[in-house]
Amino acid sequence: MTNSIIISSVDLGIEELKGYQSLDKVLSAISWNEIAIANWSGDYPYVPQAKFRLAYDQNAIIIQYEIEEEVIKAQYYLHNDHIWEDSCVEFFISFDNKEHYYNFEFNPIGAGLIGYGTNIKAERSRLTEEQINQVEVFTCIERGKLGSKWNLIQYIPFNAFVHSEVTPAFLKENLIFANFYKCGDHLPKPHFLSWNKINHPTPNFHLPEFFGELVFE
C-alpha cells in the first residue's frame, strides 16, 4: 500500500516575521503524519516517536518534524558531513516519476546534506554549502527526565531544487513522489524508520520505488 498526502498551500504574510514560532503557527492547522514503520525491526527494534507535516507557499515547500527519542546527538555542524550518524530526519523527493530524486538530511542543529541523482549512488552528486544554505532551518530542543524532544522546520525554497524547474503550478499539475525518514546510525540505539513502507532486506533509504505520493492542492 502506498501512502499519500494532500498538501495545502499557506500564506506566510510578512516575510520579516518568518521564524520558528511564526512558521509553527502557520502550520498549526496542518495534520501530522507518522514516521513509524520499522522496516528492519528484527535488527533495529527501537522506535522513537517521529512525525512530520508539510505545506507550501508561492516560494517554498515547508516541512515540520517533531521527534521524541531517548538521546539527541548532533555531532556534525558542517554541511555535507556524516549527518545520518546523528539524530537525523530525511526527506527524499522526486519530480520526474522516480527517475531522479533529492535527499535532504538534517540534524537537530540544522547541519544538512542534500544530494541529487538516480538511485545508483555513483551517479549522485551533492549540492554545495552555498546551495544548502538556501534552505532556512529553525529548531527547538527540549530535554527532560523522561527523554528528549526536538522540532525542526525547514523552509525549502524552490530554487534549492537546483536541477529542477519547480513552481506552484508545476506541483499542482504533477504527481510528486517522496518518502520521509528518521534515523540515527551512530546513536546508542540505531534506528531506521520510514513514512512509506520499504521492502528490502537491509536498511536502505535510496529506493525510490517505495516512495509515497504527494498531491499539492
N, C-alpha and C. Protein backbone atom coordinates (compact mmCIF):
# COMPACT_ATOMS: atom_id res chain seq x y z
N MET A 1 0.84 -1.20 0.00
CA MET A 1 0.00 0.00 0.00
C MET A 1 0.88 1.25 0.00
N THR A 2 0.55 2.20 -0.86
CA THR A 2 1.32 3.43 -0.98
C THR A 2 0.62 4.54 -0.22
N ASN A 3 1.34 5.18 0.68
CA ASN A 3 0.79 6.32 1.40
C ASN A 3 0.68 7.53 0.48
N SER A 4 -0.28 8.40 0.78
CA SER A 4 -0.50 9.61 0.01
C SER A 4 -0.87 10.75 0.94
N ILE A 5 -0.38 11.94 0.64
CA ILE A 5 -0.70 13.13 1.43
C ILE A 5 -1.20 14.22 0.50
N ILE A 6 -2.29 14.86 0.88
CA ILE A 6 -2.77 16.04 0.18
C ILE A 6 -2.18 17.25 0.88
N ILE A 7 -1.49 18.12 0.14
CA ILE A 7 -0.73 19.22 0.71
C ILE A 7 -1.39 20.55 0.38
N SER A 8 -1.68 21.32 1.42
CA SER A 8 -2.35 22.60 1.26
C SER A 8 -1.34 23.73 1.13
N SER A 9 -1.77 24.80 0.50
CA SER A 9 -0.94 26.00 0.42
C SER A 9 -1.24 26.89 1.63
N VAL A 10 -0.24 27.67 2.03
CA VAL A 10 -0.38 28.57 3.17
C VAL A 10 0.15 29.95 2.76
N ASP A 11 -0.23 30.95 3.55
CA ASP A 11 0.23 32.31 3.31
C ASP A 11 1.04 32.74 4.53
N LEU A 12 2.31 32.98 4.35
CA LEU A 12 3.16 33.37 5.48
C LEU A 12 2.97 34.81 5.89
N GLY A 13 2.42 35.63 5.03
CA GLY A 13 2.25 37.03 5.39
C GLY A 13 3.56 37.78 5.28
N ILE A 14 3.88 38.54 6.30
CA ILE A 14 5.06 39.40 6.27
C ILE A 14 6.32 38.56 6.35
N GLU A 15 7.19 38.71 5.37
CA GLU A 15 8.41 37.91 5.28
C GLU A 15 9.30 38.09 6.50
N GLU A 16 9.33 39.31 7.05
CA GLU A 16 10.23 39.58 8.17
C GLU A 16 9.88 38.78 9.41
N LEU A 17 8.66 38.28 9.50
CA LEU A 17 8.23 37.54 10.69
C LEU A 17 8.54 36.05 10.60
N LYS A 18 9.17 35.62 9.51
CA LYS A 18 9.46 34.20 9.35
C LYS A 18 10.46 33.75 10.41
N GLY A 19 10.12 32.69 11.14
CA GLY A 19 10.96 32.14 12.20
C GLY A 19 10.27 30.91 12.75
N TYR A 20 10.84 30.30 13.79
CA TYR A 20 10.26 29.06 14.29
C TYR A 20 8.82 29.26 14.76
N GLN A 21 8.59 30.26 15.61
CA GLN A 21 7.26 30.45 16.17
C GLN A 21 6.24 30.82 15.12
N SER A 22 6.61 31.68 14.19
CA SER A 22 5.66 32.10 13.17
C SER A 22 5.33 30.94 12.21
N LEU A 23 6.34 30.16 11.83
CA LEU A 23 6.08 29.03 10.95
C LEU A 23 5.28 27.94 11.66
N ASP A 24 5.58 27.70 12.94
CA ASP A 24 4.82 26.73 13.72
C ASP A 24 3.34 27.13 13.77
N LYS A 25 3.08 28.41 13.91
CA LYS A 25 1.70 28.90 13.95
C LYS A 25 1.03 28.72 12.59
N VAL A 26 1.74 29.02 11.52
CA VAL A 26 1.18 28.87 10.18
C VAL A 26 0.82 27.41 9.91
N LEU A 27 1.63 26.49 10.43
CA LEU A 27 1.41 25.06 10.17
C LEU A 27 0.46 24.40 11.18
N SER A 28 -0.02 25.14 12.15
CA SER A 28 -0.78 24.55 13.26
C SER A 28 -2.07 23.86 12.81
N ALA A 29 -2.63 24.26 11.69
CA ALA A 29 -3.87 23.64 11.21
C ALA A 29 -3.61 22.43 10.31
N ILE A 30 -2.35 22.15 10.01
CA ILE A 30 -1.99 21.04 9.12
C ILE A 30 -1.88 19.75 9.92
N SER A 31 -2.39 18.65 9.38
CA SER A 31 -2.35 17.36 10.07
C SER A 31 -0.95 16.76 10.07
N TRP A 32 -0.65 16.02 11.14
CA TRP A 32 0.63 15.33 11.26
C TRP A 32 0.57 13.97 10.56
N ASN A 33 1.73 13.50 10.13
CA ASN A 33 1.90 12.17 9.53
C ASN A 33 3.01 11.45 10.28
N GLU A 34 2.80 10.17 10.56
CA GLU A 34 3.75 9.41 11.37
C GLU A 34 4.90 8.84 10.52
N ILE A 35 6.10 8.92 11.07
CA ILE A 35 7.25 8.18 10.53
C ILE A 35 7.47 7.03 11.51
N ALA A 36 6.80 5.94 11.29
CA ALA A 36 6.71 4.92 12.34
C ALA A 36 6.94 3.50 11.86
N ILE A 37 7.28 3.33 10.59
CA ILE A 37 7.47 1.96 10.08
C ILE A 37 8.91 1.54 10.30
N ALA A 38 9.09 0.56 11.17
CA ALA A 38 10.42 0.00 11.44
C ALA A 38 10.61 -1.19 10.50
N ASN A 39 11.08 -0.91 9.30
CA ASN A 39 11.18 -1.93 8.26
C ASN A 39 12.17 -3.04 8.62
N TRP A 40 13.09 -2.76 9.53
CA TRP A 40 14.12 -3.74 9.90
C TRP A 40 14.11 -3.93 11.42
N SER A 41 12.90 -4.16 11.96
CA SER A 41 12.70 -4.21 13.41
C SER A 41 13.43 -5.37 14.08
N GLY A 42 13.74 -6.43 13.33
CA GLY A 42 14.46 -7.54 13.93
C GLY A 42 15.84 -7.15 14.40
N ASP A 43 16.54 -6.36 13.60
CA ASP A 43 17.88 -5.90 13.96
C ASP A 43 17.87 -4.55 14.66
N TYR A 44 16.83 -3.75 14.41
CA TYR A 44 16.77 -2.39 14.97
C TYR A 44 15.37 -2.16 15.55
N PRO A 45 15.12 -2.68 16.75
CA PRO A 45 13.76 -2.64 17.31
C PRO A 45 13.36 -1.29 17.90
N TYR A 46 14.32 -0.41 18.19
CA TYR A 46 13.97 0.86 18.83
C TYR A 46 13.20 1.76 17.87
N VAL A 47 12.06 2.29 18.35
CA VAL A 47 11.20 3.14 17.52
C VAL A 47 10.91 4.43 18.28
N PRO A 48 11.70 5.48 18.07
CA PRO A 48 11.37 6.78 18.66
C PRO A 48 10.11 7.33 18.02
N GLN A 49 9.48 8.27 18.69
CA GLN A 49 8.29 8.90 18.12
C GLN A 49 8.73 9.97 17.12
N ALA A 50 8.22 9.85 15.92
CA ALA A 50 8.61 10.77 14.86
C ALA A 50 7.41 11.07 13.97
N LYS A 51 7.21 12.34 13.68
CA LYS A 51 6.11 12.73 12.80
C LYS A 51 6.49 14.00 12.05
N PHE A 52 5.74 14.28 11.00
CA PHE A 52 6.00 15.46 10.18
C PHE A 52 4.70 15.99 9.62
N ARG A 53 4.73 17.24 9.25
CA ARG A 53 3.63 17.83 8.48
C ARG A 53 4.24 18.81 7.48
N LEU A 54 3.53 19.03 6.40
CA LEU A 54 4.09 19.89 5.36
C LEU A 54 3.03 20.68 4.64
N ALA A 55 3.49 21.80 4.09
CA ALA A 55 2.64 22.70 3.32
C ALA A 55 3.54 23.38 2.29
N TYR A 56 2.99 24.30 1.53
CA TYR A 56 3.81 25.06 0.59
C TYR A 56 3.21 26.44 0.40
N ASP A 57 4.06 27.39 0.00
CA ASP A 57 3.57 28.71 -0.36
C ASP A 57 4.04 29.02 -1.77
N GLN A 58 4.05 30.27 -2.16
CA GLN A 58 4.41 30.63 -3.53
C GLN A 58 5.90 30.48 -3.82
N ASN A 59 6.69 30.25 -2.78
CA ASN A 59 8.13 30.22 -2.96
C ASN A 59 8.83 28.97 -2.47
N ALA A 60 8.14 28.13 -1.68
CA ALA A 60 8.87 27.06 -0.99
C ALA A 60 7.95 25.94 -0.53
N ILE A 61 8.58 24.80 -0.26
CA ILE A 61 7.95 23.71 0.49
C ILE A 61 8.38 23.85 1.95
N ILE A 62 7.43 23.69 2.86
CA ILE A 62 7.70 23.87 4.29
C ILE A 62 7.42 22.56 5.00
N ILE A 63 8.40 22.07 5.74
CA ILE A 63 8.26 20.79 6.46
C ILE A 63 8.57 21.02 7.93
N GLN A 64 7.73 20.47 8.80
CA GLN A 64 8.00 20.49 10.23
C GLN A 64 8.08 19.05 10.74
N TYR A 65 9.14 18.75 11.48
CA TYR A 65 9.31 17.45 12.12
C TYR A 65 9.18 17.62 13.64
N GLU A 66 8.61 16.62 14.29
CA GLU A 66 8.59 16.56 15.76
C GLU A 66 9.09 15.18 16.17
N ILE A 67 10.17 15.15 16.96
CA ILE A 67 10.84 13.90 17.30
C ILE A 67 10.95 13.78 18.82
N GLU A 68 10.63 12.61 19.35
CA GLU A 68 10.87 12.28 20.76
C GLU A 68 11.72 11.03 20.80
N GLU A 69 12.91 11.13 21.40
CA GLU A 69 13.82 9.99 21.47
C GLU A 69 14.65 10.07 22.74
N GLU A 70 15.23 8.95 23.13
CA GLU A 70 15.97 8.88 24.38
C GLU A 70 17.21 9.77 24.36
N VAL A 71 17.88 9.81 23.23
CA VAL A 71 19.14 10.55 23.12
C VAL A 71 19.10 11.42 21.87
N ILE A 72 19.52 12.68 22.01
CA ILE A 72 19.69 13.55 20.86
C ILE A 72 21.19 13.70 20.60
N LYS A 73 21.60 13.38 19.40
CA LYS A 73 23.00 13.51 19.03
C LYS A 73 23.13 14.47 17.86
N ALA A 74 23.99 15.48 18.00
CA ALA A 74 24.23 16.45 16.94
C ALA A 74 25.72 16.76 16.91
N GLN A 75 26.50 15.78 16.52
CA GLN A 75 27.96 15.92 16.49
C GLN A 75 28.42 16.79 15.33
N TYR A 76 27.75 16.66 14.19
CA TYR A 76 28.23 17.30 12.97
C TYR A 76 27.60 18.68 12.79
N TYR A 77 28.42 19.67 12.49
CA TYR A 77 27.93 21.04 12.35
C TYR A 77 28.20 21.61 10.96
N LEU A 78 28.94 20.89 10.14
CA LEU A 78 29.22 21.34 8.78
C LEU A 78 28.28 20.64 7.79
N HIS A 79 27.83 21.37 6.78
CA HIS A 79 27.02 20.76 5.73
C HIS A 79 27.82 19.67 5.01
N ASN A 80 27.10 18.66 4.53
CA ASN A 80 27.66 17.55 3.75
C ASN A 80 28.60 16.66 4.55
N ASP A 81 28.52 16.74 5.89
CA ASP A 81 29.26 15.80 6.72
C ASP A 81 28.39 14.55 6.95
N HIS A 82 28.74 13.70 7.89
CA HIS A 82 28.02 12.45 8.11
C HIS A 82 26.76 12.69 8.94
N ILE A 83 25.84 13.45 8.39
CA ILE A 83 24.65 13.87 9.12
C ILE A 83 23.81 12.68 9.57
N TRP A 84 23.77 11.63 8.78
CA TRP A 84 22.94 10.45 9.08
C TRP A 84 23.41 9.70 10.33
N GLU A 85 24.61 9.98 10.80
CA GLU A 85 25.08 9.35 12.03
C GLU A 85 24.53 10.03 13.27
N ASP A 86 24.06 11.26 13.14
CA ASP A 86 23.43 11.99 14.24
C ASP A 86 21.95 11.63 14.32
N SER A 87 21.25 12.24 15.28
CA SER A 87 19.79 12.25 15.21
C SER A 87 19.44 12.95 13.90
N CYS A 88 18.72 12.29 13.05
CA CYS A 88 18.60 12.78 11.67
C CYS A 88 17.18 12.58 11.14
N VAL A 89 16.67 13.61 10.46
CA VAL A 89 15.42 13.48 9.71
C VAL A 89 15.75 13.66 8.23
N GLU A 90 15.05 12.90 7.40
CA GLU A 90 15.38 12.89 5.98
C GLU A 90 14.11 12.98 5.13
N PHE A 91 14.23 13.69 4.02
CA PHE A 91 13.14 13.91 3.08
C PHE A 91 13.70 13.67 1.68
N PHE A 92 13.17 12.63 1.01
CA PHE A 92 13.57 12.31 -0.35
C PHE A 92 12.39 12.65 -1.26
N ILE A 93 12.64 13.36 -2.37
CA ILE A 93 11.55 13.78 -3.25
C ILE A 93 11.96 13.69 -4.71
N SER A 94 11.02 13.21 -5.54
CA SER A 94 11.25 13.06 -6.98
C SER A 94 10.19 13.85 -7.74
N PHE A 95 10.65 14.61 -8.73
CA PHE A 95 9.75 15.39 -9.58
C PHE A 95 9.60 14.79 -10.97
N ASP A 96 10.28 13.67 -11.25
CA ASP A 96 10.25 13.10 -12.61
C ASP A 96 9.93 11.60 -12.57
N ASN A 97 8.90 11.28 -11.82
CA ASN A 97 8.40 9.90 -11.78
C ASN A 97 9.45 8.91 -11.29
N LYS A 98 10.23 9.34 -10.27
CA LYS A 98 11.19 8.49 -9.56
C LYS A 98 12.47 8.19 -10.34
N GLU A 99 12.68 8.87 -11.46
CA GLU A 99 13.93 8.66 -12.19
C GLU A 99 15.11 9.28 -11.45
N HIS A 100 14.91 10.49 -10.94
CA HIS A 100 15.91 11.19 -10.13
C HIS A 100 15.21 11.68 -8.87
N TYR A 101 15.99 11.93 -7.85
CA TYR A 101 15.39 12.44 -6.61
C TYR A 101 16.44 13.20 -5.81
N TYR A 102 15.93 14.07 -4.95
CA TYR A 102 16.75 14.81 -4.00
C TYR A 102 16.65 14.13 -2.63
N ASN A 103 17.75 14.10 -1.89
CA ASN A 103 17.70 13.67 -0.50
C ASN A 103 18.15 14.82 0.39
N PHE A 104 17.26 15.21 1.30
CA PHE A 104 17.52 16.26 2.29
C PHE A 104 17.70 15.58 3.64
N GLU A 105 18.88 15.71 4.24
CA GLU A 105 19.18 15.06 5.52
C GLU A 105 19.68 16.14 6.48
N PHE A 106 18.98 16.31 7.62
CA PHE A 106 19.32 17.38 8.56
C PHE A 106 19.32 16.86 10.00
N ASN A 107 20.21 17.42 10.81
CA ASN A 107 20.26 17.07 12.24
C ASN A 107 19.66 18.18 13.09
N PRO A 108 19.59 18.01 14.41
CA PRO A 108 18.87 18.97 15.25
C PRO A 108 19.46 20.38 15.31
N ILE A 109 20.68 20.58 14.85
CA ILE A 109 21.25 21.93 14.86
C ILE A 109 21.30 22.53 13.45
N GLY A 110 20.61 21.89 12.51
CA GLY A 110 20.45 22.48 11.18
C GLY A 110 21.56 22.19 10.21
N ALA A 111 22.52 21.34 10.56
CA ALA A 111 23.52 20.91 9.58
C ALA A 111 22.86 19.96 8.60
N GLY A 112 23.15 20.13 7.32
CA GLY A 112 22.44 19.35 6.33
C GLY A 112 23.30 18.76 5.23
N LEU A 113 22.72 17.80 4.57
CA LEU A 113 23.30 17.16 3.39
C LEU A 113 22.19 17.07 2.36
N ILE A 114 22.45 17.55 1.15
CA ILE A 114 21.47 17.45 0.08
C ILE A 114 22.14 16.85 -1.14
N GLY A 115 21.56 15.77 -1.65
CA GLY A 115 22.08 15.12 -2.83
C GLY A 115 21.05 15.05 -3.93
N TYR A 116 21.50 14.71 -5.15
CA TYR A 116 20.59 14.58 -6.29
C TYR A 116 21.14 13.56 -7.27
N GLY A 117 20.23 12.82 -7.89
CA GLY A 117 20.62 11.87 -8.93
C GLY A 117 19.69 10.69 -8.98
N THR A 118 20.18 9.59 -9.56
CA THR A 118 19.41 8.35 -9.62
C THR A 118 19.71 7.53 -8.36
N ASN A 119 19.12 6.35 -8.29
CA ASN A 119 19.39 5.50 -7.14
C ASN A 119 20.73 4.76 -7.26
N ILE A 120 21.46 5.00 -8.31
CA ILE A 120 22.83 4.49 -8.42
C ILE A 120 23.73 5.51 -7.72
N LYS A 121 24.26 5.15 -6.56
CA LYS A 121 24.94 6.13 -5.72
C LYS A 121 26.14 6.77 -6.43
N ALA A 122 26.80 6.03 -7.30
CA ALA A 122 27.96 6.59 -8.01
C ALA A 122 27.55 7.72 -8.94
N GLU A 123 26.27 7.79 -9.30
CA GLU A 123 25.79 8.82 -10.20
C GLU A 123 25.20 10.03 -9.47
N ARG A 124 25.18 9.98 -8.13
CA ARG A 124 24.60 11.06 -7.36
C ARG A 124 25.64 12.14 -7.06
N SER A 125 25.19 13.36 -6.94
CA SER A 125 26.07 14.47 -6.59
C SER A 125 25.45 15.23 -5.43
N ARG A 126 26.30 15.98 -4.71
CA ARG A 126 25.82 16.76 -3.58
C ARG A 126 25.79 18.24 -3.93
N LEU A 127 24.81 18.93 -3.37
CA LEU A 127 24.76 20.37 -3.52
C LEU A 127 25.90 21.00 -2.72
N THR A 128 26.27 22.20 -3.10
CA THR A 128 27.34 22.90 -2.41
C THR A 128 26.83 23.48 -1.09
N GLU A 129 27.77 23.89 -0.25
CA GLU A 129 27.38 24.52 1.02
C GLU A 129 26.52 25.75 0.76
N GLU A 130 26.89 26.53 -0.22
CA GLU A 130 26.11 27.73 -0.55
C GLU A 130 24.69 27.37 -0.96
N GLN A 131 24.55 26.32 -1.75
CA GLN A 131 23.21 25.91 -2.18
C GLN A 131 22.40 25.37 -1.01
N ILE A 132 23.03 24.60 -0.12
CA ILE A 132 22.32 24.07 1.04
C ILE A 132 21.87 25.20 1.95
N ASN A 133 22.64 26.25 2.03
CA ASN A 133 22.29 27.39 2.88
C ASN A 133 21.04 28.12 2.41
N GLN A 134 20.56 27.82 1.21
CA GLN A 134 19.30 28.40 0.77
C GLN A 134 18.13 27.86 1.58
N VAL A 135 18.29 26.68 2.16
CA VAL A 135 17.24 26.09 2.99
C VAL A 135 17.33 26.71 4.38
N GLU A 136 16.28 27.40 4.79
CA GLU A 136 16.24 28.01 6.12
C GLU A 136 15.74 26.96 7.12
N VAL A 137 16.47 26.83 8.23
CA VAL A 137 16.17 25.79 9.21
C VAL A 137 15.97 26.44 10.58
N PHE A 138 14.87 26.07 11.24
CA PHE A 138 14.53 26.60 12.56
C PHE A 138 14.31 25.40 13.49
N THR A 139 14.98 25.37 14.64
CA THR A 139 14.89 24.21 15.52
C THR A 139 14.53 24.61 16.94
N CYS A 140 14.03 23.64 17.67
CA CYS A 140 13.70 23.80 19.08
C CYS A 140 13.99 22.49 19.78
N ILE A 141 14.81 22.50 20.83
CA ILE A 141 15.21 21.28 21.53
C ILE A 141 14.77 21.35 22.99
N GLU A 142 14.16 20.27 23.48
CA GLU A 142 13.76 20.15 24.88
C GLU A 142 14.38 18.88 25.45
N ARG A 143 14.86 18.97 26.69
CA ARG A 143 15.45 17.80 27.33
C ARG A 143 14.92 17.70 28.76
N GLY A 144 14.33 16.55 29.09
CA GLY A 144 13.74 16.37 30.41
C GLY A 144 14.09 15.02 31.02
N LYS A 145 13.44 14.71 32.12
CA LYS A 145 13.75 13.47 32.84
C LYS A 145 13.37 12.22 32.05
N LEU A 146 12.33 12.33 31.27
CA LEU A 146 11.81 11.15 30.57
C LEU A 146 12.34 10.99 29.15
N GLY A 147 13.18 11.91 28.73
CA GLY A 147 13.71 11.80 27.38
C GLY A 147 13.90 13.16 26.76
N SER A 148 14.08 13.17 25.45
CA SER A 148 14.38 14.39 24.74
C SER A 148 13.42 14.57 23.57
N LYS A 149 13.15 15.82 23.26
CA LYS A 149 12.23 16.14 22.18
C LYS A 149 12.83 17.27 21.36
N TRP A 150 12.72 17.17 20.06
CA TRP A 150 13.18 18.26 19.21
C TRP A 150 12.28 18.45 18.01
N ASN A 151 12.16 19.70 17.63
CA ASN A 151 11.37 20.09 16.46
C ASN A 151 12.28 20.76 15.46
N LEU A 152 12.02 20.53 14.20
CA LEU A 152 12.79 21.17 13.14
C LEU A 152 11.84 21.59 12.03
N ILE A 153 11.94 22.84 11.62
CA ILE A 153 11.15 23.34 10.49
C ILE A 153 12.10 23.72 9.37
N GLN A 154 11.83 23.23 8.19
CA GLN A 154 12.62 23.56 7.01
C GLN A 154 11.77 24.39 6.05
N TYR A 155 12.31 25.52 5.64
CA TYR A 155 11.70 26.33 4.59
C TYR A 155 12.58 26.13 3.36
N ILE A 156 12.10 25.27 2.45
CA ILE A 156 12.90 24.85 1.29
C ILE A 156 12.46 25.63 0.06
N PRO A 157 13.18 26.68 -0.31
CA PRO A 157 12.77 27.46 -1.49
C PRO A 157 12.88 26.63 -2.76
N PHE A 158 12.03 26.92 -3.70
CA PHE A 158 12.02 26.14 -4.93
C PHE A 158 13.37 26.18 -5.64
N ASN A 159 14.11 27.28 -5.50
CA ASN A 159 15.40 27.34 -6.18
C ASN A 159 16.47 26.48 -5.52
N ALA A 160 16.15 25.88 -4.36
CA ALA A 160 17.06 24.90 -3.76
C ALA A 160 17.05 23.59 -4.55
N PHE A 161 15.99 23.37 -5.32
CA PHE A 161 15.94 22.20 -6.21
C PHE A 161 16.66 22.59 -7.50
N VAL A 162 17.97 22.63 -7.42
CA VAL A 162 18.78 23.29 -8.45
C VAL A 162 18.74 22.58 -9.80
N HIS A 163 18.33 21.34 -9.84
CA HIS A 163 18.30 20.59 -11.10
C HIS A 163 16.88 20.50 -11.67
N SER A 164 15.94 21.23 -11.08
CA SER A 164 14.54 21.11 -11.49
C SER A 164 13.91 22.49 -11.58
N GLU A 165 12.86 22.59 -12.40
CA GLU A 165 12.08 23.82 -12.51
C GLU A 165 10.81 23.62 -11.70
N VAL A 166 10.85 24.00 -10.44
CA VAL A 166 9.73 23.78 -9.53
C VAL A 166 9.00 25.09 -9.29
N THR A 167 7.70 25.08 -9.51
CA THR A 167 6.82 26.22 -9.27
C THR A 167 5.54 25.71 -8.62
N PRO A 168 4.74 26.58 -8.03
CA PRO A 168 3.45 26.11 -7.50
C PRO A 168 2.59 25.45 -8.58
N ALA A 169 2.60 26.01 -9.78
CA ALA A 169 1.81 25.41 -10.86
C ALA A 169 2.30 24.01 -11.20
N PHE A 170 3.63 23.83 -11.27
CA PHE A 170 4.18 22.51 -11.55
C PHE A 170 3.76 21.50 -10.48
N LEU A 171 3.82 21.91 -9.21
CA LEU A 171 3.45 21.00 -8.13
C LEU A 171 1.98 20.59 -8.21
N LYS A 172 1.12 21.53 -8.58
CA LYS A 172 -0.30 21.25 -8.67
C LYS A 172 -0.64 20.35 -9.86
N GLU A 173 0.14 20.45 -10.91
CA GLU A 173 -0.19 19.76 -12.15
C GLU A 173 0.45 18.38 -12.26
N ASN A 174 1.33 18.03 -11.33
CA ASN A 174 2.04 16.76 -11.42
C ASN A 174 1.95 15.97 -10.12
N LEU A 175 2.02 14.65 -10.25
CA LEU A 175 2.09 13.79 -9.08
C LEU A 175 3.54 13.71 -8.64
N ILE A 176 3.78 14.06 -7.39
CA ILE A 176 5.13 14.10 -6.86
C ILE A 176 5.32 12.91 -5.93
N PHE A 177 6.50 12.32 -5.94
CA PHE A 177 6.77 11.13 -5.12
C PHE A 177 7.82 11.45 -4.06
N ALA A 178 7.63 10.90 -2.85
CA ALA A 178 8.55 11.22 -1.76
C ALA A 178 8.48 10.17 -0.67
N ASN A 179 9.47 10.21 0.21
CA ASN A 179 9.43 9.44 1.44
C ASN A 179 10.11 10.26 2.53
N PHE A 180 9.77 9.96 3.76
CA PHE A 180 10.29 10.68 4.93
C PHE A 180 10.86 9.66 5.90
N TYR A 181 11.98 10.02 6.52
CA TYR A 181 12.69 9.05 7.35
C TYR A 181 13.16 9.67 8.66
N LYS A 182 13.35 8.82 9.65
CA LYS A 182 14.05 9.17 10.89
C LYS A 182 15.11 8.11 11.11
N CYS A 183 16.35 8.56 11.31
CA CYS A 183 17.42 7.59 11.53
C CYS A 183 18.43 8.14 12.52
N GLY A 184 19.39 7.33 12.85
CA GLY A 184 20.48 7.70 13.74
C GLY A 184 21.46 6.55 13.77
N ASP A 185 22.30 6.48 12.77
CA ASP A 185 23.17 5.32 12.59
C ASP A 185 24.11 5.09 13.76
N HIS A 186 24.58 6.18 14.38
CA HIS A 186 25.57 6.06 15.46
C HIS A 186 25.01 6.48 16.81
N LEU A 187 23.70 6.37 16.98
CA LEU A 187 23.11 6.60 18.29
C LEU A 187 23.23 5.33 19.14
N PRO A 188 23.06 5.46 20.48
CA PRO A 188 23.11 4.26 21.32
C PRO A 188 22.14 3.16 20.87
N LYS A 189 20.99 3.60 20.34
CA LYS A 189 20.02 2.66 19.77
C LYS A 189 19.78 3.06 18.31
N PRO A 190 20.57 2.53 17.40
CA PRO A 190 20.39 2.87 15.98
C PRO A 190 18.98 2.51 15.52
N HIS A 191 18.45 3.30 14.58
CA HIS A 191 17.10 3.05 14.08
C HIS A 191 16.97 3.60 12.67
N PHE A 192 16.02 3.03 11.93
CA PHE A 192 15.82 3.39 10.53
C PHE A 192 14.31 3.31 10.25
N LEU A 193 13.63 4.43 10.42
CA LEU A 193 12.17 4.45 10.27
C LEU A 193 11.77 5.16 8.98
N SER A 194 10.62 4.79 8.44
CA SER A 194 10.13 5.44 7.23
C SER A 194 8.64 5.75 7.34
N TRP A 195 8.20 6.70 6.52
CA TRP A 195 6.77 7.01 6.41
C TRP A 195 6.09 5.99 5.51
N ASN A 196 6.64 5.74 4.34
CA ASN A 196 6.10 4.72 3.45
C ASN A 196 6.95 3.45 3.54
N LYS A 197 6.31 2.31 3.55
CA LYS A 197 6.98 1.04 3.79
C LYS A 197 8.03 0.73 2.73
N ILE A 198 9.15 0.14 3.19
CA ILE A 198 10.24 -0.27 2.30
C ILE A 198 10.40 -1.79 2.40
N ASN A 199 10.35 -2.46 1.28
CA ASN A 199 10.58 -3.90 1.25
C ASN A 199 11.99 -4.18 0.74
N HIS A 200 12.91 -4.29 1.68
CA HIS A 200 14.31 -4.54 1.34
C HIS A 200 14.95 -5.23 2.54
N PRO A 201 15.87 -6.19 2.32
CA PRO A 201 16.39 -6.97 3.44
C PRO A 201 17.24 -6.19 4.43
N THR A 202 17.87 -5.11 4.02
CA THR A 202 18.75 -4.35 4.90
C THR A 202 18.41 -2.86 4.80
N PRO A 203 18.77 -2.06 5.81
CA PRO A 203 18.44 -0.64 5.77
C PRO A 203 18.97 0.06 4.53
N ASN A 204 18.04 0.69 3.81
CA ASN A 204 18.40 1.43 2.60
C ASN A 204 17.25 2.38 2.29
N PHE A 205 17.52 3.68 2.35
CA PHE A 205 16.50 4.67 2.04
C PHE A 205 16.52 5.06 0.57
N HIS A 206 17.56 4.72 -0.14
CA HIS A 206 17.71 5.12 -1.54
C HIS A 206 17.01 4.14 -2.48
N LEU A 207 15.70 3.99 -2.25
CA LEU A 207 14.89 3.08 -3.05
C LEU A 207 13.62 3.81 -3.47
N PRO A 208 13.69 4.60 -4.53
CA PRO A 208 12.54 5.42 -4.93
C PRO A 208 11.30 4.62 -5.31
N GLU A 209 11.48 3.35 -5.60
CA GLU A 209 10.30 2.53 -5.92
C GLU A 209 9.35 2.42 -4.74
N PHE A 210 9.82 2.77 -3.55
CA PHE A 210 8.98 2.71 -2.35
C PHE A 210 8.56 4.10 -1.87
N PHE A 211 8.68 5.10 -2.71
CA PHE A 211 8.21 6.43 -2.34
C PHE A 211 6.69 6.46 -2.31
N GLY A 212 6.14 7.31 -1.45
CA GLY A 212 4.71 7.56 -1.45
C GLY A 212 4.37 8.74 -2.36
N GLU A 213 3.11 9.18 -2.30
CA GLU A 213 2.63 10.22 -3.21
C GLU A 213 2.33 11.52 -2.46
N LEU A 214 2.71 12.64 -3.06
CA LEU A 214 2.37 13.96 -2.56
C LEU A 214 1.47 14.63 -3.59
N VAL A 215 0.30 15.07 -3.15
CA VAL A 215 -0.67 15.73 -4.03
C VAL A 215 -0.84 17.16 -3.55
N PHE A 216 -0.39 18.12 -4.35
CA PHE A 216 -0.44 19.53 -3.97
C PHE A 216 -1.75 20.14 -4.45
N GLU A 217 -2.49 20.70 -3.51
CA GLU A 217 -3.77 21.32 -3.85
C GLU A 217 -3.56 22.72 -4.44
